[in-house]
Amino acid sequence: MIDAIKTFLIDVLGAHFGVMICAMIPIIELRGAIPLGMGLGLQWWQSYLYAVIGNMIPVPFILLFITKIISWMTKSRVKFFNKIGNWLTSKAEKNREKIEKYSFWGVCLFVAVPLPVTGAWTGSLVAATIGMKWWKALLSCLLGVMIAGVIVTLISYGALAAFTWLL
């Protein structure tokens, strides 16, 4: 299975696009894409660059459409959509107060923390639900993604260098 994934990422897509696609996936995002790039033999700056680009691709669309989609889902007669819509609303509301208090910097710091469920997808969701202006939210997410990328790159590539030095 691992060989099939690696073959697909390297031979079919190419390592660069594999990292970008991995960074677009919710929850995995940049936190998984940069170590993947390292594993595929990319230089640190290539992993960082392609992961940031990939992580930011969904953000404008989330900011533009997520509130309409959630509204439609919560009003839908299909229980599955209701559950997802309510879950997304609760995710956004859970972090709303903290982020709303600090607005731009709140979203930025929330996205910058390289932990699961604190990335660009959730930050965009929260920014859209608190009614943050589109450009301000986009810039805040971009800055947060770039900071998270630096942290993950330093941990991924720096840890490898430290272990290499010890050997």
Protein backbone atom coordinates (compact mmCIF):
# COMPACT_ATOMS: atom_id res chain seq x y z
CA MET A 1 0.00 0.00 0.00
CA ILE A 2 2.77 2.42 0.95
CA ASP A 3 4.66 1.57 -2.25
CA ALA A 4 1.51 2.20 -4.31
CA ILE A 5 1.01 5.61 -2.70
CA LYS A 6 4.66 6.51 -3.14
CA THR A 7 4.61 5.39 -6.79
CA PHE A 8 1.47 7.44 -7.42
CA LEU A 9 2.93 10.55 -5.75
CA ILE A 10 6.33 10.33 -7.43
CA ASP A 11 5.67 8.75 -10.85
CA VAL A 12 2.13 9.92 -11.63
CA LEU A 13 1.80 13.30 -9.92
CA GLY A 14 5.37 14.11 -9.08
CA ALA A 15 6.54 14.80 -5.55
CA HIS A 16 5.76 18.52 -5.79
CA PHE A 17 2.10 18.01 -6.69
CA GLY A 18 1.83 15.18 -4.18
CA VAL A 19 2.86 17.56 -1.41
CA MET A 20 0.41 20.21 -2.67
CA ILE A 21 -2.48 17.74 -2.76
CA CYS A 22 -1.63 16.39 0.68
CA ALA A 23 -1.63 19.96 2.04
CA MET A 24 -5.15 20.51 0.66
CA ILE A 25 -6.62 17.62 2.66
CA PRO A 26 -8.43 18.71 5.85
CA ILE A 27 -6.78 17.76 9.16
CA ILE A 28 -3.59 16.52 7.42
CA GLU A 29 -2.93 19.87 5.74
CA LEU A 30 0.57 21.31 5.92
CA ARG A 31 1.47 19.30 9.05
CA GLY A 32 1.50 16.11 7.01
CA ALA A 33 2.58 17.56 3.68
CA ILE A 34 5.98 18.87 4.80
CA PRO A 35 7.12 15.55 6.34
CA LEU A 36 5.79 13.86 3.20
CA GLY A 37 7.94 16.17 1.07
CA MET A 38 10.92 15.32 3.21
CA GLY A 39 10.17 11.62 2.80
CA LEU A 40 9.91 12.07 -0.97
CA GLY A 41 13.36 13.67 -1.05
CA LEU A 42 12.40 17.32 -1.60
CA GLN A 43 14.59 20.12 -0.29
CA TRP A 44 13.21 21.87 2.80
CA TRP A 45 12.26 25.00 0.88
CA GLN A 46 10.41 22.99 -1.77
CA SER A 47 8.38 21.13 0.85
CA TYR A 48 7.60 24.41 2.60
CA LEU A 49 6.64 26.27 -0.58
CA TYR A 50 4.43 23.55 -2.08
CA ALA A 51 2.79 22.80 1.27
CA VAL A 52 1.93 26.47 1.85
CA ILE A 53 0.55 26.82 -1.68
CA GLY A 54 -1.47 23.61 -1.37
CA ASN A 55 -2.78 24.52 2.08
CA MET A 56 -3.95 27.94 0.84
CA ILE A 57 -5.77 26.72 -2.30
CA PRO A 58 -9.03 25.80 -0.47
CA VAL A 59 -9.05 28.90 1.77
CA PRO A 60 -10.62 31.45 -0.62
CA PHE A 61 -13.38 28.99 -1.49
CA ILE A 62 -14.05 28.18 2.16
CA LEU A 63 -14.24 31.89 2.99
CA LEU A 64 -16.63 32.55 0.11
CA PHE A 65 -18.97 29.59 0.35
CA ILE A 66 -18.85 27.88 3.75
CA THR A 67 -21.54 29.93 5.51
CA LYS A 68 -23.97 29.34 2.61
CA ILE A 69 -23.15 25.63 2.52
CA ILE A 70 -23.57 25.23 6.29
CA SER A 71 -26.84 27.15 6.20
CA TRP A 72 -28.13 24.88 3.43
CA MET A 73 -26.95 21.76 5.28
CA THR A 74 -28.61 22.67 8.57
CA LYS A 75 -31.91 23.38 6.76
CA SER A 76 -31.70 20.23 4.66
CA ARG A 77 -34.21 17.42 5.16
CA VAL A 78 -31.40 14.90 4.89
CA LYS A 79 -30.23 13.96 8.41
CA PHE A 80 -26.67 13.29 7.24
CA PHE A 81 -26.33 16.89 6.01
CA ASN A 82 -27.94 18.19 9.20
CA LYS A 83 -25.38 16.34 11.30
CA ILE A 84 -22.44 17.66 9.26
CA GLY A 85 -23.84 21.21 9.25
CA ASN A 86 -24.40 21.15 13.00
CA TRP A 87 -20.95 19.64 13.59
CA LEU A 88 -19.27 22.37 11.51
CA THR A 89 -21.26 25.05 13.32
CA SER A 90 -20.28 23.64 16.70
CA LYS A 91 -16.59 23.51 15.63
CA ALA A 92 -16.72 27.16 14.63
CA GLU A 93 -18.65 28.21 17.73
CA LYS A 94 -16.28 26.35 20.05
CA ASN A 95 -13.38 28.64 19.10
CA ARG A 96 -15.44 31.69 18.14
CA GLU A 97 -15.15 33.69 21.38
CA LYS A 98 -11.36 33.45 21.61
CA ILE A 99 -10.82 34.22 17.95
CA GLU A 100 -13.46 36.95 17.73
CA LYS A 101 -11.78 38.79 20.60
CA TYR A 102 -8.51 39.08 18.68
CA SER A 103 -9.99 38.95 15.14
CA PHE A 104 -7.08 39.09 12.63
CA TRP A 105 -4.40 37.91 15.07
CA GLY A 106 -6.76 35.37 16.63
CA VAL A 107 -7.31 33.61 13.31
CA CYS A 108 -3.61 33.93 12.46
CA LEU A 109 -2.45 32.37 15.74
CA PHE A 110 -5.14 29.69 15.61
CA VAL A 111 -3.97 28.63 12.14
CA ALA A 112 -0.28 28.94 13.09
CA VAL A 113 -0.47 26.34 15.86
CA PRO A 114 0.61 23.12 14.11
CA LEU A 115 -1.84 20.77 15.79
CA PRO A 116 -4.68 18.75 14.25
CA VAL A 117 -7.90 20.75 13.71
CA THR A 118 -6.20 24.15 14.10
CA GLY A 119 -5.22 24.69 10.49
CA ALA A 120 -6.38 26.76 7.55
CA TRP A 121 -9.63 24.84 7.06
CA THR A 122 -10.90 25.44 10.59
CA GLY A 123 -9.44 28.96 10.73
CA SER A 124 -11.24 29.86 7.50
CA LEU A 125 -14.44 28.34 8.81
CA VAL A 126 -14.25 30.41 11.99
CA ALA A 127 -13.25 33.59 10.13
CA ALA A 128 -16.24 33.20 7.80
CA THR A 129 -18.69 32.50 10.61
CA ILE A 130 -17.59 35.52 12.66
CA GLY A 131 -18.07 37.69 9.59
CA MET A 132 -14.45 38.68 9.09
CA LYS A 133 -13.80 40.62 5.87
CA TRP A 134 -12.66 38.34 3.06
CA TRP A 135 -9.25 39.91 2.36
CA LYS A 136 -8.49 40.27 6.05
CA ALA A 137 -9.39 36.62 6.69
CA LEU A 138 -7.36 35.46 3.67
CA LEU A 139 -4.28 37.40 4.79
CA SER A 140 -4.68 36.19 8.36
CA CYS A 141 -4.88 32.56 7.22
CA LEU A 142 -1.91 33.01 4.89
CA LEU A 143 0.24 34.43 7.67
CA GLY A 144 -0.84 31.61 10.01
CA VAL A 145 -0.11 28.95 7.38
CA MET A 146 3.33 30.44 6.74
CA ILE A 147 4.15 30.44 10.47
CA ALA A 148 2.90 26.85 10.87
CA GLY A 149 5.00 25.90 7.83
CA VAL A 150 8.13 27.34 9.39
CA ILE A 151 7.48 25.45 12.64
CA VAL A 152 6.77 22.12 10.91
CA THR A 153 9.74 22.55 8.54
CA LEU A 154 12.10 23.27 11.42
CA ILE A 155 10.81 20.28 13.35
CA SER A 156 10.85 17.92 10.35
CA TYR A 157 14.12 18.88 8.71
CA GLY A 158 15.84 20.14 11.88
CA ALA A 159 15.14 16.93 13.78
CA LEU A 160 16.56 14.91 10.89
CA ALA A 161 19.69 17.07 10.85
CA ALA A 162 20.09 16.69 14.62
CA PHE A 163 19.84 12.90 14.41
CA THR A 164 22.27 12.82 11.48
CA TRP A 165 24.74 14.92 13.46
CA LEU A 166 24.51 12.54 16.43
CA LEU A 167 25.27 9.48 14.30
